[in-house]
Amino acid sequence: MKRVLFVCTGNTCRSPMAEAILNSFAKDDSSISASSAGISIFPGSKTSPNSREVVLKSIGIDLKDRNAVQLKESHLEEQDLILTMTESIKLALTSAFPFYSNKIFSLSEYVEEKGDVVDPFGGELFLYEKTYSQLEKLIGKLILKIKGEGIL
């Protein structure tokens, strides 16, 4: 089983959406699983209402009971691939945890795209839909890359 960890800031918007998308795309493939965490969560926070709505509408996964997860070093140790939503989060992680830098990438970088994943936090629903579409495209490329490298 290959484990992918998506990391964003608060683990309420981008990384939970990415986790849900990859797990949905790979639902018939037991060789991959996704999880997510944030580098600076607000204790007790849940997935944002707009993220929940977009994910439920798009892939039928209900995230209403999902709590934000604070990133810990043990998460990095347990995962095969750590994909951040931004280059700055990647740099923060590789600086703080250099031992794991060989498996930490920004999602865009890993699939040979440019730019960060747009943070919809606090925005209108259309911004969350835009972020979801961006993640869906990047994760589609991620699956192709993983399969092409024989990681799956």
N, C-alpha and C. Protein backbone atom coordinates (compact mmCIF):
# COMPACT_ATOMS: atom_id res chain seq x y z
N MET A 1 0.84 -1.19 0.00
CA MET A 1 0.00 0.00 0.00
C MET A 1 0.88 1.24 0.00
N LYS A 2 0.64 2.13 -0.94
CA LYS A 2 1.35 3.41 -0.99
C LYS A 2 0.48 4.48 -0.36
N ARG A 3 1.08 5.21 0.57
CA ARG A 3 0.34 6.22 1.33
C ARG A 3 0.78 7.62 0.92
N VAL A 4 -0.21 8.43 0.56
CA VAL A 4 0.02 9.81 0.14
C VAL A 4 -0.59 10.73 1.19
N LEU A 5 0.20 11.69 1.65
CA LEU A 5 -0.28 12.69 2.61
C LEU A 5 -0.32 14.05 1.91
N PHE A 6 -1.50 14.68 1.92
CA PHE A 6 -1.65 16.03 1.40
C PHE A 6 -1.57 17.00 2.57
N VAL A 7 -0.82 18.09 2.39
CA VAL A 7 -0.61 19.05 3.48
C VAL A 7 -0.94 20.46 3.00
N CYS A 8 -1.77 21.15 3.80
CA CYS A 8 -2.04 22.57 3.56
C CYS A 8 -1.85 23.31 4.88
N THR A 9 -2.43 24.47 5.00
CA THR A 9 -2.23 25.26 6.21
C THR A 9 -3.09 24.77 7.36
N GLY A 10 -4.41 24.87 7.23
CA GLY A 10 -5.30 24.57 8.34
C GLY A 10 -6.02 23.24 8.27
N ASN A 11 -5.84 22.50 7.18
CA ASN A 11 -6.49 21.19 6.98
C ASN A 11 -8.01 21.29 7.05
N THR A 12 -8.53 22.39 6.49
CA THR A 12 -9.99 22.54 6.43
C THR A 12 -10.51 22.73 5.01
N CYS A 13 -9.64 23.01 4.06
CA CYS A 13 -10.10 23.29 2.70
C CYS A 13 -9.39 22.41 1.66
N ARG A 14 -8.17 22.79 1.29
CA ARG A 14 -7.49 22.15 0.17
C ARG A 14 -7.10 20.70 0.43
N SER A 15 -6.39 20.45 1.51
CA SER A 15 -5.90 19.07 1.71
C SER A 15 -7.02 18.07 1.97
N PRO A 16 -8.11 18.42 2.69
CA PRO A 16 -9.20 17.45 2.80
C PRO A 16 -9.86 17.17 1.44
N MET A 17 -9.97 18.21 0.60
CA MET A 17 -10.52 17.99 -0.74
C MET A 17 -9.61 17.05 -1.53
N ALA A 18 -8.30 17.29 -1.47
CA ALA A 18 -7.35 16.45 -2.20
C ALA A 18 -7.42 15.01 -1.70
N GLU A 19 -7.49 14.83 -0.40
CA GLU A 19 -7.60 13.49 0.19
C GLU A 19 -8.85 12.78 -0.34
N ALA A 20 -9.98 13.47 -0.32
CA ALA A 20 -11.23 12.87 -0.79
C ALA A 20 -11.17 12.54 -2.28
N ILE A 21 -10.59 13.43 -3.08
CA ILE A 21 -10.50 13.19 -4.52
C ILE A 21 -9.64 11.96 -4.80
N LEU A 22 -8.44 11.89 -4.21
CA LEU A 22 -7.57 10.74 -4.48
C LEU A 22 -8.22 9.45 -3.99
N ASN A 23 -8.79 9.46 -2.81
CA ASN A 23 -9.44 8.24 -2.31
C ASN A 23 -10.62 7.84 -3.18
N SER A 24 -11.33 8.82 -3.74
CA SER A 24 -12.44 8.51 -4.65
C SER A 24 -11.92 7.92 -5.96
N PHE A 25 -10.89 8.55 -6.53
CA PHE A 25 -10.31 8.06 -7.78
C PHE A 25 -9.74 6.66 -7.61
N ALA A 26 -9.21 6.36 -6.42
CA ALA A 26 -8.53 5.08 -6.17
C ALA A 26 -9.40 4.11 -5.39
N LYS A 27 -10.72 4.34 -5.34
CA LYS A 27 -11.58 3.51 -4.49
C LYS A 27 -11.56 2.04 -4.85
N ASP A 28 -11.28 1.72 -6.11
CA ASP A 28 -11.21 0.32 -6.52
C ASP A 28 -9.77 -0.20 -6.56
N ASP A 29 -8.85 0.58 -6.03
CA ASP A 29 -7.43 0.22 -6.05
C ASP A 29 -6.90 0.25 -4.62
N SER A 30 -6.77 -0.91 -4.01
CA SER A 30 -6.36 -0.97 -2.61
C SER A 30 -4.87 -0.71 -2.41
N SER A 31 -4.15 -0.40 -3.49
CA SER A 31 -2.71 -0.19 -3.35
C SER A 31 -2.35 1.26 -3.04
N ILE A 32 -3.34 2.13 -2.92
CA ILE A 32 -3.05 3.53 -2.61
C ILE A 32 -4.09 4.07 -1.63
N SER A 33 -3.64 4.92 -0.73
CA SER A 33 -4.57 5.60 0.17
C SER A 33 -4.06 7.01 0.43
N ALA A 34 -4.99 7.90 0.68
CA ALA A 34 -4.64 9.29 0.93
C ALA A 34 -5.11 9.71 2.31
N SER A 35 -4.36 10.62 2.91
CA SER A 35 -4.75 11.26 4.15
C SER A 35 -4.31 12.72 4.03
N SER A 36 -4.63 13.52 5.05
CA SER A 36 -4.24 14.92 4.98
C SER A 36 -4.02 15.49 6.37
N ALA A 37 -3.29 16.59 6.40
CA ALA A 37 -2.99 17.27 7.66
C ALA A 37 -2.67 18.73 7.35
N GLY A 38 -2.63 19.54 8.40
CA GLY A 38 -2.30 20.95 8.25
C GLY A 38 -1.10 21.32 9.10
N ILE A 39 -0.38 22.34 8.67
CA ILE A 39 0.81 22.74 9.42
C ILE A 39 0.47 23.66 10.59
N SER A 40 -0.73 24.24 10.57
CA SER A 40 -1.11 25.17 11.64
C SER A 40 -2.63 25.18 11.79
N ILE A 41 -3.15 24.11 12.38
CA ILE A 41 -4.61 24.00 12.48
C ILE A 41 -5.14 24.78 13.67
N PHE A 42 -6.41 25.11 13.60
CA PHE A 42 -7.12 25.68 14.74
C PHE A 42 -7.77 24.51 15.46
N PRO A 43 -7.38 24.24 16.72
CA PRO A 43 -7.92 23.07 17.43
C PRO A 43 -9.45 23.03 17.41
N GLY A 44 -9.97 21.86 17.10
CA GLY A 44 -11.41 21.65 17.06
C GLY A 44 -12.07 22.03 15.75
N SER A 45 -11.28 22.51 14.79
CA SER A 45 -11.88 22.92 13.52
C SER A 45 -12.24 21.71 12.67
N LYS A 46 -13.23 21.91 11.83
CA LYS A 46 -13.73 20.87 10.93
C LYS A 46 -13.49 21.33 9.49
N THR A 47 -13.72 20.43 8.56
CA THR A 47 -13.65 20.79 7.15
C THR A 47 -14.64 21.91 6.89
N SER A 48 -14.22 22.91 6.13
CA SER A 48 -15.08 24.08 5.89
C SER A 48 -16.38 23.69 5.19
N PRO A 49 -17.46 24.40 5.49
CA PRO A 49 -18.75 24.09 4.86
C PRO A 49 -18.70 24.10 3.33
N ASN A 50 -18.00 25.06 2.74
CA ASN A 50 -17.92 25.10 1.27
C ASN A 50 -17.12 23.94 0.71
N SER A 51 -16.05 23.53 1.38
CA SER A 51 -15.30 22.34 0.94
C SER A 51 -16.19 21.11 1.02
N ARG A 52 -16.92 20.99 2.12
CA ARG A 52 -17.83 19.84 2.28
C ARG A 52 -18.86 19.81 1.16
N GLU A 53 -19.44 20.97 0.86
CA GLU A 53 -20.48 21.04 -0.17
C GLU A 53 -19.93 20.64 -1.54
N VAL A 54 -18.77 21.15 -1.90
CA VAL A 54 -18.19 20.85 -3.21
C VAL A 54 -17.84 19.37 -3.31
N VAL A 55 -17.25 18.80 -2.29
CA VAL A 55 -16.87 17.38 -2.30
C VAL A 55 -18.12 16.50 -2.35
N LEU A 56 -19.11 16.81 -1.56
CA LEU A 56 -20.34 16.01 -1.55
C LEU A 56 -21.03 16.06 -2.91
N LYS A 57 -21.12 17.24 -3.48
CA LYS A 57 -21.77 17.41 -4.78
C LYS A 57 -20.97 16.72 -5.90
N SER A 58 -19.66 16.78 -5.83
CA SER A 58 -18.81 16.27 -6.91
C SER A 58 -18.59 14.76 -6.86
N ILE A 59 -18.32 14.22 -5.67
CA ILE A 59 -17.98 12.79 -5.59
C ILE A 59 -18.76 12.03 -4.53
N GLY A 60 -19.70 12.70 -3.88
CA GLY A 60 -20.59 12.01 -2.95
C GLY A 60 -19.97 11.60 -1.63
N ILE A 61 -18.85 12.22 -1.27
CA ILE A 61 -18.21 11.93 0.02
C ILE A 61 -18.58 13.04 1.00
N ASP A 62 -19.10 12.65 2.15
CA ASP A 62 -19.54 13.61 3.17
C ASP A 62 -18.43 13.81 4.20
N LEU A 63 -17.92 15.02 4.28
CA LEU A 63 -16.82 15.34 5.20
C LEU A 63 -17.29 16.10 6.44
N LYS A 64 -18.60 16.07 6.74
CA LYS A 64 -19.12 16.92 7.82
C LYS A 64 -18.56 16.57 9.19
N ASP A 65 -18.18 15.34 9.42
CA ASP A 65 -17.67 14.95 10.73
C ASP A 65 -16.14 14.91 10.79
N ARG A 66 -15.49 15.36 9.74
CA ARG A 66 -14.04 15.28 9.67
C ARG A 66 -13.40 16.44 10.45
N ASN A 67 -12.51 16.10 11.38
CA ASN A 67 -11.77 17.09 12.16
C ASN A 67 -10.43 17.38 11.50
N ALA A 68 -9.98 18.62 11.63
CA ALA A 68 -8.66 19.00 11.13
C ALA A 68 -7.59 18.23 11.91
N VAL A 69 -6.54 17.85 11.20
CA VAL A 69 -5.44 17.07 11.78
C VAL A 69 -4.17 17.92 11.75
N GLN A 70 -3.53 18.06 12.90
CA GLN A 70 -2.26 18.79 12.99
C GLN A 70 -1.14 17.88 12.51
N LEU A 71 -0.34 18.37 11.58
CA LEU A 71 0.80 17.60 11.07
C LEU A 71 1.80 17.34 12.19
N LYS A 72 2.25 16.09 12.27
CA LYS A 72 3.29 15.68 13.23
C LYS A 72 4.38 14.96 12.45
N GLU A 73 5.55 14.89 13.04
CA GLU A 73 6.65 14.20 12.37
C GLU A 73 6.29 12.75 12.08
N SER A 74 5.52 12.12 12.94
CA SER A 74 5.13 10.72 12.72
C SER A 74 4.35 10.56 11.42
N HIS A 75 3.58 11.58 11.03
CA HIS A 75 2.87 11.52 9.74
C HIS A 75 3.87 11.42 8.60
N LEU A 76 4.93 12.21 8.67
CA LEU A 76 5.93 12.21 7.61
C LEU A 76 6.63 10.86 7.54
N GLU A 77 6.91 10.30 8.69
CA GLU A 77 7.58 9.00 8.76
C GLU A 77 6.73 7.90 8.14
N GLU A 78 5.42 7.94 8.38
CA GLU A 78 4.52 6.87 7.97
C GLU A 78 4.14 6.92 6.49
N GLN A 79 4.30 8.06 5.85
CA GLN A 79 3.83 8.23 4.47
C GLN A 79 4.93 7.94 3.46
N ASP A 80 4.50 7.52 2.27
CA ASP A 80 5.44 7.28 1.18
C ASP A 80 5.69 8.54 0.36
N LEU A 81 4.70 9.43 0.32
CA LEU A 81 4.78 10.64 -0.49
C LEU A 81 4.01 11.74 0.23
N ILE A 82 4.65 12.89 0.42
CA ILE A 82 4.01 14.03 1.07
C ILE A 82 3.90 15.14 0.03
N LEU A 83 2.67 15.55 -0.25
CA LEU A 83 2.42 16.56 -1.28
C LEU A 83 1.76 17.78 -0.65
N THR A 84 2.44 18.91 -0.76
CA THR A 84 1.95 20.15 -0.17
C THR A 84 1.16 20.95 -1.20
N MET A 85 0.34 21.85 -0.71
CA MET A 85 -0.48 22.66 -1.60
C MET A 85 0.28 23.86 -2.15
N THR A 86 1.39 24.22 -1.50
CA THR A 86 2.18 25.37 -1.95
C THR A 86 3.67 25.06 -1.85
N GLU A 87 4.42 25.81 -2.62
CA GLU A 87 5.88 25.71 -2.55
C GLU A 87 6.38 26.15 -1.18
N SER A 88 5.76 27.18 -0.60
CA SER A 88 6.22 27.67 0.71
C SER A 88 6.00 26.63 1.81
N ILE A 89 4.91 25.89 1.75
CA ILE A 89 4.70 24.82 2.74
C ILE A 89 5.74 23.73 2.54
N LYS A 90 6.03 23.41 1.29
CA LYS A 90 7.07 22.40 1.01
C LYS A 90 8.41 22.85 1.61
N LEU A 91 8.77 24.09 1.38
CA LEU A 91 10.05 24.59 1.89
C LEU A 91 10.07 24.59 3.42
N ALA A 92 8.96 24.93 4.04
CA ALA A 92 8.89 24.90 5.51
C ALA A 92 9.08 23.48 6.03
N LEU A 93 8.45 22.51 5.37
CA LEU A 93 8.58 21.11 5.82
C LEU A 93 9.99 20.57 5.59
N THR A 94 10.56 20.84 4.42
CA THR A 94 11.90 20.31 4.15
C THR A 94 12.94 20.97 5.04
N SER A 95 12.69 22.21 5.45
CA SER A 95 13.59 22.89 6.38
C SER A 95 13.46 22.32 7.79
N ALA A 96 12.23 22.10 8.22
CA ALA A 96 11.99 21.59 9.58
C ALA A 96 12.29 20.10 9.71
N PHE A 97 12.11 19.36 8.61
CA PHE A 97 12.28 17.91 8.64
C PHE A 97 13.14 17.45 7.46
N PRO A 98 14.42 17.83 7.44
CA PRO A 98 15.27 17.51 6.28
C PRO A 98 15.41 16.01 6.01
N PHE A 99 15.27 15.19 7.03
CA PHE A 99 15.40 13.74 6.85
C PHE A 99 14.36 13.20 5.87
N TYR A 100 13.22 13.87 5.77
CA TYR A 100 12.12 13.40 4.90
C TYR A 100 12.04 14.16 3.58
N SER A 101 13.01 15.03 3.32
CA SER A 101 12.91 15.91 2.15
C SER A 101 12.86 15.15 0.82
N ASN A 102 13.34 13.92 0.80
CA ASN A 102 13.30 13.14 -0.45
C ASN A 102 11.90 12.69 -0.83
N LYS A 103 10.93 12.85 0.05
CA LYS A 103 9.56 12.46 -0.28
C LYS A 103 8.56 13.60 -0.09
N ILE A 104 9.07 14.83 0.03
CA ILE A 104 8.21 16.01 0.17
C ILE A 104 8.30 16.85 -1.10
N PHE A 105 7.15 17.10 -1.72
CA PHE A 105 7.06 17.90 -2.93
C PHE A 105 5.79 18.75 -2.85
N SER A 106 5.77 19.84 -3.61
CA SER A 106 4.47 20.48 -3.80
C SER A 106 3.72 19.61 -4.81
N LEU A 107 2.40 19.57 -4.71
CA LEU A 107 1.60 18.76 -5.62
C LEU A 107 1.86 19.18 -7.06
N SER A 108 1.86 20.47 -7.33
CA SER A 108 2.08 20.95 -8.70
C SER A 108 3.46 20.53 -9.21
N GLU A 109 4.46 20.71 -8.39
CA GLU A 109 5.83 20.33 -8.77
C GLU A 109 5.90 18.84 -9.11
N TYR A 110 5.28 18.01 -8.30
CA TYR A 110 5.37 16.56 -8.48
C TYR A 110 4.77 16.11 -9.81
N VAL A 111 3.73 16.80 -10.26
CA VAL A 111 3.10 16.42 -11.53
C VAL A 111 3.55 17.34 -12.67
N GLU A 112 4.64 18.07 -12.44
CA GLU A 112 5.28 18.91 -13.44
C GLU A 112 4.37 20.03 -13.96
N GLU A 113 3.67 20.64 -13.02
CA GLU A 113 2.86 21.83 -13.32
C GLU A 113 3.47 23.00 -12.56
N LYS A 114 3.02 24.18 -12.87
CA LYS A 114 3.53 25.38 -12.20
C LYS A 114 2.46 25.95 -11.27
N GLY A 115 2.91 26.61 -10.23
CA GLY A 115 2.00 27.35 -9.35
C GLY A 115 1.51 26.55 -8.16
N ASP A 116 0.92 27.29 -7.24
CA ASP A 116 0.35 26.71 -6.03
C ASP A 116 -1.12 26.39 -6.24
N VAL A 117 -1.65 25.55 -5.37
CA VAL A 117 -3.09 25.29 -5.35
C VAL A 117 -3.75 26.49 -4.65
N VAL A 118 -4.73 27.08 -5.32
CA VAL A 118 -5.41 28.27 -4.80
C VAL A 118 -6.06 27.96 -3.45
N ASP A 119 -5.82 28.84 -2.47
CA ASP A 119 -6.43 28.67 -1.15
C ASP A 119 -7.78 29.39 -1.14
N PRO A 120 -8.89 28.64 -1.05
CA PRO A 120 -10.20 29.28 -1.09
C PRO A 120 -10.69 29.77 0.28
N PHE A 121 -9.89 29.59 1.32
CA PHE A 121 -10.33 29.86 2.69
C PHE A 121 -11.04 31.21 2.80
N GLY A 122 -12.27 31.17 3.31
CA GLY A 122 -13.04 32.38 3.52
C GLY A 122 -13.72 32.93 2.29
N GLY A 123 -13.51 32.29 1.14
CA GLY A 123 -14.09 32.79 -0.11
C GLY A 123 -15.48 32.25 -0.38
N GLU A 124 -16.04 32.69 -1.48
CA GLU A 124 -17.36 32.24 -1.92
C GLU A 124 -17.25 30.83 -2.49
N LEU A 125 -18.40 30.18 -2.64
CA LEU A 125 -18.46 28.80 -3.12
C LEU A 125 -17.74 28.62 -4.45
N PHE A 126 -17.86 29.60 -5.37
CA PHE A 126 -17.22 29.46 -6.68
C PHE A 126 -15.71 29.31 -6.56
N LEU A 127 -15.10 29.92 -5.55
CA LEU A 127 -13.66 29.80 -5.37
C LEU A 127 -13.30 28.38 -4.91
N TYR A 128 -14.12 27.79 -4.07
CA TYR A 128 -13.92 26.40 -3.65
C TYR A 128 -14.08 25.46 -4.84
N GLU A 129 -15.04 25.76 -5.70
CA GLU A 129 -15.23 24.94 -6.91
C GLU A 129 -14.03 25.04 -7.83
N LYS A 130 -13.46 26.23 -7.93
CA LYS A 130 -12.25 26.44 -8.75
C LYS A 130 -11.08 25.63 -8.17
N THR A 131 -10.92 25.69 -6.86
CA THR A 131 -9.85 24.92 -6.21
C THR A 131 -10.07 23.43 -6.40
N TYR A 132 -11.31 22.99 -6.25
CA TYR A 132 -11.62 21.57 -6.45
C TYR A 132 -11.24 21.13 -7.87
N SER A 133 -11.60 21.93 -8.87
CA SER A 133 -11.27 21.60 -10.26
C SER A 133 -9.76 21.54 -10.47
N GLN A 134 -9.05 22.47 -9.87
CA GLN A 134 -7.59 22.47 -9.96
C GLN A 134 -7.03 21.19 -9.33
N LEU A 135 -7.52 20.83 -8.16
CA LEU A 135 -7.07 19.61 -7.49
C LEU A 135 -7.41 18.36 -8.29
N GLU A 136 -8.60 18.32 -8.86
CA GLU A 136 -9.02 17.17 -9.65
C GLU A 136 -8.07 16.95 -10.83
N LYS A 137 -7.70 18.03 -11.50
CA LYS A 137 -6.77 17.94 -12.63
C LYS A 137 -5.40 17.46 -12.16
N LEU A 138 -4.88 18.06 -11.10
CA LEU A 138 -3.56 17.69 -10.60
C LEU A 138 -3.54 16.25 -10.10
N ILE A 139 -4.59 15.82 -9.43
CA ILE A 139 -4.62 14.45 -8.89
C ILE A 139 -4.80 13.43 -10.00
N GLY A 140 -5.51 13.80 -11.06
CA GLY A 140 -5.55 12.93 -12.24
C GLY A 140 -4.16 12.69 -12.79
N LYS A 141 -3.36 13.75 -12.88
CA LYS A 141 -1.97 13.62 -13.33
C LYS A 141 -1.13 12.84 -12.33
N LEU A 142 -1.41 13.05 -11.05
CA LEU A 142 -0.70 12.32 -9.99
C LEU A 142 -0.89 10.81 -10.16
N ILE A 143 -2.11 10.39 -10.37
CA ILE A 143 -2.38 8.96 -10.52
C ILE A 143 -1.65 8.41 -11.74
N LEU A 144 -1.68 9.13 -12.85
CA LEU A 144 -0.97 8.68 -14.05
C LEU A 144 0.53 8.58 -13.79
N LYS A 145 1.08 9.56 -13.07
CA LYS A 145 2.51 9.54 -12.76
C LYS A 145 2.86 8.37 -11.85
N ILE A 146 2.07 8.16 -10.82
CA ILE A 146 2.34 7.06 -9.89
C ILE A 146 2.28 5.73 -10.62
N LYS A 147 1.27 5.54 -11.44
CA LYS A 147 1.15 4.29 -12.19
C LYS A 147 2.29 4.13 -13.19
N GLY A 148 2.68 5.24 -13.82
CA GLY A 148 3.78 5.21 -14.79
C GLY A 148 5.12 4.88 -14.15
N GLU A 149 5.28 5.27 -12.90
CA GLU A 149 6.53 4.98 -12.19
C GLU A 149 6.49 3.62 -11.52
N GLY A 150 5.36 2.93 -11.64
CA GLY A 150 5.25 1.62 -11.01
C GLY A 150 5.14 1.68 -9.50
N ILE A 151 4.75 2.84 -8.98
CA ILE A 151 4.62 2.97 -7.53
C ILE A 151 3.37 2.26 -7.04
N LEU A 152 2.33 2.24 -7.88
CA LEU A 152 1.09 1.56 -7.49
C LEU A 152 1.19 0.08 -7.74
